[in-house]
Amino acid sequence: MRLMAGKKAVIECGESLTLIVGGHYITIDPTGITSSDAIGLGSGAPGQVGDWNGKLPDVPGIPAEPPPPTPAALLPVTGELKPLCLSCMMKAASSGQTLVIRGQS
């Protein structure tokens, strides 16, 4: 895991934070900072890490491509629109139909 921040990074934990590497650990908790071995203050250098070449996880619920349009959306509107009568809409609503086609009764 590589965690990078421009100026500041905060890791917030409820009770404790433990880093375990190569069989050693550093723990920070309300009682203080403890380690499995003596800490050499002011010695050593930061480790070098290469660039990350991984792959981000896929986001569920977002399709890779938009779904194809429905056939009705592909039909061009030509000529005059036929009237849509109120009784046809009432009949469709009372029977639970969700589609009313103009010019059909």
C-alpha atoms as a PDB file:
ATOM      1  CA  MET A   1       0.000   0.000   0.000  1.00  0.00           C
ATOM      2  CA  ARG A   2       1.267   3.439  -0.832  1.00  0.00           C
ATOM      3  CA  LEU A   3      -0.305   6.494   0.773  1.00  0.00           C
ATOM      4  CA  MET A   4       0.671   9.872  -0.634  1.00  0.00           C
ATOM      5  CA  ALA A   5      -0.427  13.379   0.277  1.00  0.00           C
ATOM      6  CA  GLY A   6       0.643  16.786  -0.957  1.00  0.00           C
ATOM      7  CA  LYS A   7       1.047  18.555   2.381  1.00  0.00           C
ATOM      8  CA  LYS A   8      -0.725  16.665   5.136  1.00  0.00           C
ATOM      9  CA  ALA A   9      -2.205  13.218   5.756  1.00  0.00           C
ATOM     10  CA  VAL A  10      -4.314  12.186   8.730  1.00  0.00           C
ATOM     11  CA  ILE A  11      -4.987   8.602   9.751  1.00  0.00           C
ATOM     12  CA  GLU A  12      -7.621   8.560  12.469  1.00  0.00           C
ATOM     13  CA  CYS A  13      -8.299   5.465  14.545  1.00  0.00           C
ATOM     14  CA  GLY A  14     -10.718   4.853  17.382  1.00  0.00           C
ATOM     15  CA  GLU A  15      -8.340   3.086  19.765  1.00  0.00           C
ATOM     16  CA  SER A  16      -4.973   2.201  18.253  1.00  0.00           C
ATOM     17  CA  LEU A  17      -2.828   2.084  15.137  1.00  0.00           C
ATOM     18  CA  THR A  18      -0.253  -0.658  14.601  1.00  0.00           C
ATOM     19  CA  LEU A  19       2.295  -0.890  11.811  1.00  0.00           C
ATOM     20  CA  ILE A  20       3.772  -4.375  11.329  1.00  0.00           C
ATOM     21  CA  VAL A  21       6.760  -4.871   9.032  1.00  0.00           C
ATOM     22  CA  GLY A  22       9.250  -7.730   8.871  1.00  0.00           C
ATOM     23  CA  GLY A  23       8.240  -9.152  12.224  1.00  0.00           C
ATOM     24  CA  HIS A  24       8.517  -5.799  14.062  1.00  0.00           C
ATOM     25  CA  TYR A  25       5.745  -3.437  15.095  1.00  0.00           C
ATOM     26  CA  ILE A  26       5.043   0.109  16.222  1.00  0.00           C
ATOM     27  CA  THR A  27       1.799   0.730  18.090  1.00  0.00           C
ATOM     28  CA  ILE A  28       0.244   4.092  18.889  1.00  0.00           C
ATOM     29  CA  ASP A  29      -2.592   4.028  21.416  1.00  0.00           C
ATOM     30  CA  PRO A  30      -3.876   6.115  24.353  1.00  0.00           C
ATOM     31  CA  THR A  31      -1.080   4.774  26.596  1.00  0.00           C
ATOM     32  CA  GLY A  32       1.673   6.005  24.245  1.00  0.00           C
ATOM     33  CA  ILE A  33       3.941   4.695  21.491  1.00  0.00           C
ATOM     34  CA  THR A  34       5.407   1.220  21.847  1.00  0.00           C
ATOM     35  CA  SER A  35       7.598  -0.867  19.563  1.00  0.00           C
ATOM     36  CA  SER A  36       8.927  -4.382  19.396  1.00  0.00           C
ATOM     37  CA  ASP A  37      12.542  -3.152  19.279  1.00  0.00           C
ATOM     38  CA  ALA A  38      14.573  -0.056  20.142  1.00  0.00           C
ATOM     39  CA  ILE A  39      13.969   2.856  17.784  1.00  0.00           C
ATOM     40  CA  GLY A  40      17.011   4.536  16.235  1.00  0.00           C
ATOM     41  CA  LEU A  41      16.054   8.217  16.415  1.00  0.00           C
ATOM     42  CA  GLY A  42      17.670  10.399  13.767  1.00  0.00           C
ATOM     43  CA  SER A  43      19.095   7.474  11.823  1.00  0.00           C
ATOM     44  CA  GLY A  44      18.171   5.775   8.569  1.00  0.00           C
ATOM     45  CA  ALA A  45      16.445   7.144   5.493  1.00  0.00           C
ATOM     46  CA  PRO A  46      12.987   6.851   3.958  1.00  0.00           C
ATOM     47  CA  GLY A  47      12.337   3.814   1.806  1.00  0.00           C
ATOM     48  CA  GLN A  48      11.991   4.078  -1.955  1.00  0.00           C
ATOM     49  CA  VAL A  49       8.770   2.918  -3.589  1.00  0.00           C
ATOM     50  CA  GLY A  50       8.186   2.580  -7.323  1.00  0.00           C
ATOM     51  CA  ASP A  51       5.151   3.817  -9.213  1.00  0.00           C
ATOM     52  CA  TRP A  52       1.927   1.897  -8.776  1.00  0.00           C
ATOM     53  CA  ASN A  53       0.985  -0.150 -11.844  1.00  0.00           C
ATOM     54  CA  GLY A  54      -2.194  -1.659 -10.471  1.00  0.00           C
ATOM     55  CA  LYS A  55      -5.762  -1.445 -11.707  1.00  0.00           C
ATOM     56  CA  LEU A  56      -8.526   0.442  -9.929  1.00  0.00           C
ATOM     57  CA  PRO A  57     -11.558  -1.672  -9.011  1.00  0.00           C
ATOM     58  CA  ASP A  58     -14.625  -1.591 -11.218  1.00  0.00           C
ATOM     59  CA  VAL A  59     -17.391   0.602  -9.848  1.00  0.00           C
ATOM     60  CA  PRO A  60     -20.570  -1.486  -9.490  1.00  0.00           C
ATOM     61  CA  GLY A  61     -23.760  -0.110 -10.943  1.00  0.00           C
ATOM     62  CA  ILE A  62     -22.141   1.921 -13.721  1.00  0.00           C
ATOM     63  CA  PRO A  63     -22.414   0.206 -17.110  1.00  0.00           C
ATOM     64  CA  ALA A  64     -19.343   0.220 -19.337  1.00  0.00           C
ATOM     65  CA  GLU A  65     -21.487   1.470 -22.233  1.00  0.00           C
ATOM     66  CA  PRO A  66     -24.907   3.115 -22.237  1.00  0.00           C
ATOM     67  CA  PRO A  67     -27.752   0.756 -23.111  1.00  0.00           C
ATOM     68  CA  PRO A  68     -28.911   0.814 -26.738  1.00  0.00           C
ATOM     69  CA  PRO A  69     -31.923   3.029 -27.460  1.00  0.00           C
ATOM     70  CA  THR A  70     -35.332   1.411 -27.537  1.00  0.00           C
ATOM     71  CA  PRO A  71     -36.883   0.758 -30.977  1.00  0.00           C
ATOM     72  CA  ALA A  72     -39.571   3.408 -30.416  1.00  0.00           C
ATOM     73  CA  ALA A  73     -36.879   6.027 -29.857  1.00  0.00           C
ATOM     74  CA  LEU A  74     -35.338   5.166 -33.233  1.00  0.00           C
ATOM     75  CA  LEU A  75     -38.498   5.846 -35.251  1.00  0.00           C
ATOM     76  CA  PRO A  76     -38.550   9.279 -36.877  1.00  0.00           C
ATOM     77  CA  VAL A  77     -41.598  11.483 -36.456  1.00  0.00           C
ATOM     78  CA  THR A  78     -42.991  12.096 -39.929  1.00  0.00           C
ATOM     79  CA  GLY A  79     -46.049  13.951 -41.079  1.00  0.00           C
ATOM     80  CA  GLU A  80     -48.775  15.185 -38.800  1.00  0.00           C
ATOM     81  CA  LEU A  81     -49.288  13.647 -35.411  1.00  0.00           C
ATOM     82  CA  LYS A  82     -52.556  11.787 -35.085  1.00  0.00           C
ATOM     83  CA  PRO A  83     -54.828  12.978 -32.287  1.00  0.00           C
ATOM     84  CA  LEU A  84     -54.756  11.324 -28.897  1.00  0.00           C
ATOM     85  CA  CYS A  85     -58.246  11.148 -27.513  1.00  0.00           C
ATOM     86  CA  LEU A  86     -59.043  11.585 -23.847  1.00  0.00           C
ATOM     87  CA  SER A  87     -61.203   8.447 -23.740  1.00  0.00           C
ATOM     88  CA  CYS A  88     -58.244   6.376 -25.056  1.00  0.00           C
ATOM     89  CA  MET A  89     -56.027   7.725 -22.271  1.00  0.00           C
ATOM     90  CA  MET A  90     -58.706   7.058 -19.632  1.00  0.00           C
ATOM     91  CA  LYS A  91     -59.204   3.503 -20.935  1.00  0.00           C
ATOM     92  CA  ALA A  92     -55.441   2.875 -20.840  1.00  0.00           C
ATOM     93  CA  ALA A  93     -55.139   4.284 -17.319  1.00  0.00           C
ATOM     94  CA  SER A  94     -58.019   2.195 -15.975  1.00  0.00           C
ATOM     95  CA  SER A  95     -56.613  -1.010 -17.491  1.00  0.00           C
ATOM     96  CA  GLY A  96     -53.058  -0.365 -16.232  1.00  0.00           C
ATOM     97  CA  GLN A  97     -51.520   0.172 -19.673  1.00  0.00           C
ATOM     98  CA  THR A  98     -48.447   2.368 -19.729  1.00  0.00           C
ATOM     99  CA  LEU A  99     -48.422   3.037 -23.480  1.00  0.00           C
ATOM    100  CA  VAL A 100     -51.021   4.732 -25.670  1.00  0.00           C
ATOM    101  CA  ILE A 101     -50.334   4.867 -29.424  1.00  0.00           C
ATOM    102  CA  ARG A 102     -51.753   7.818 -31.324  1.00  0.00           C
ATOM    103  CA  GLY A 103     -54.447   6.940 -33.858  1.00  0.00           C
ATOM    104  CA  GLN A 104     -55.273   3.544 -32.338  1.00  0.00           C
ATOM    105  CA  SER A 105     -58.356   2.978 -30.241  1.00  0.00           C
END
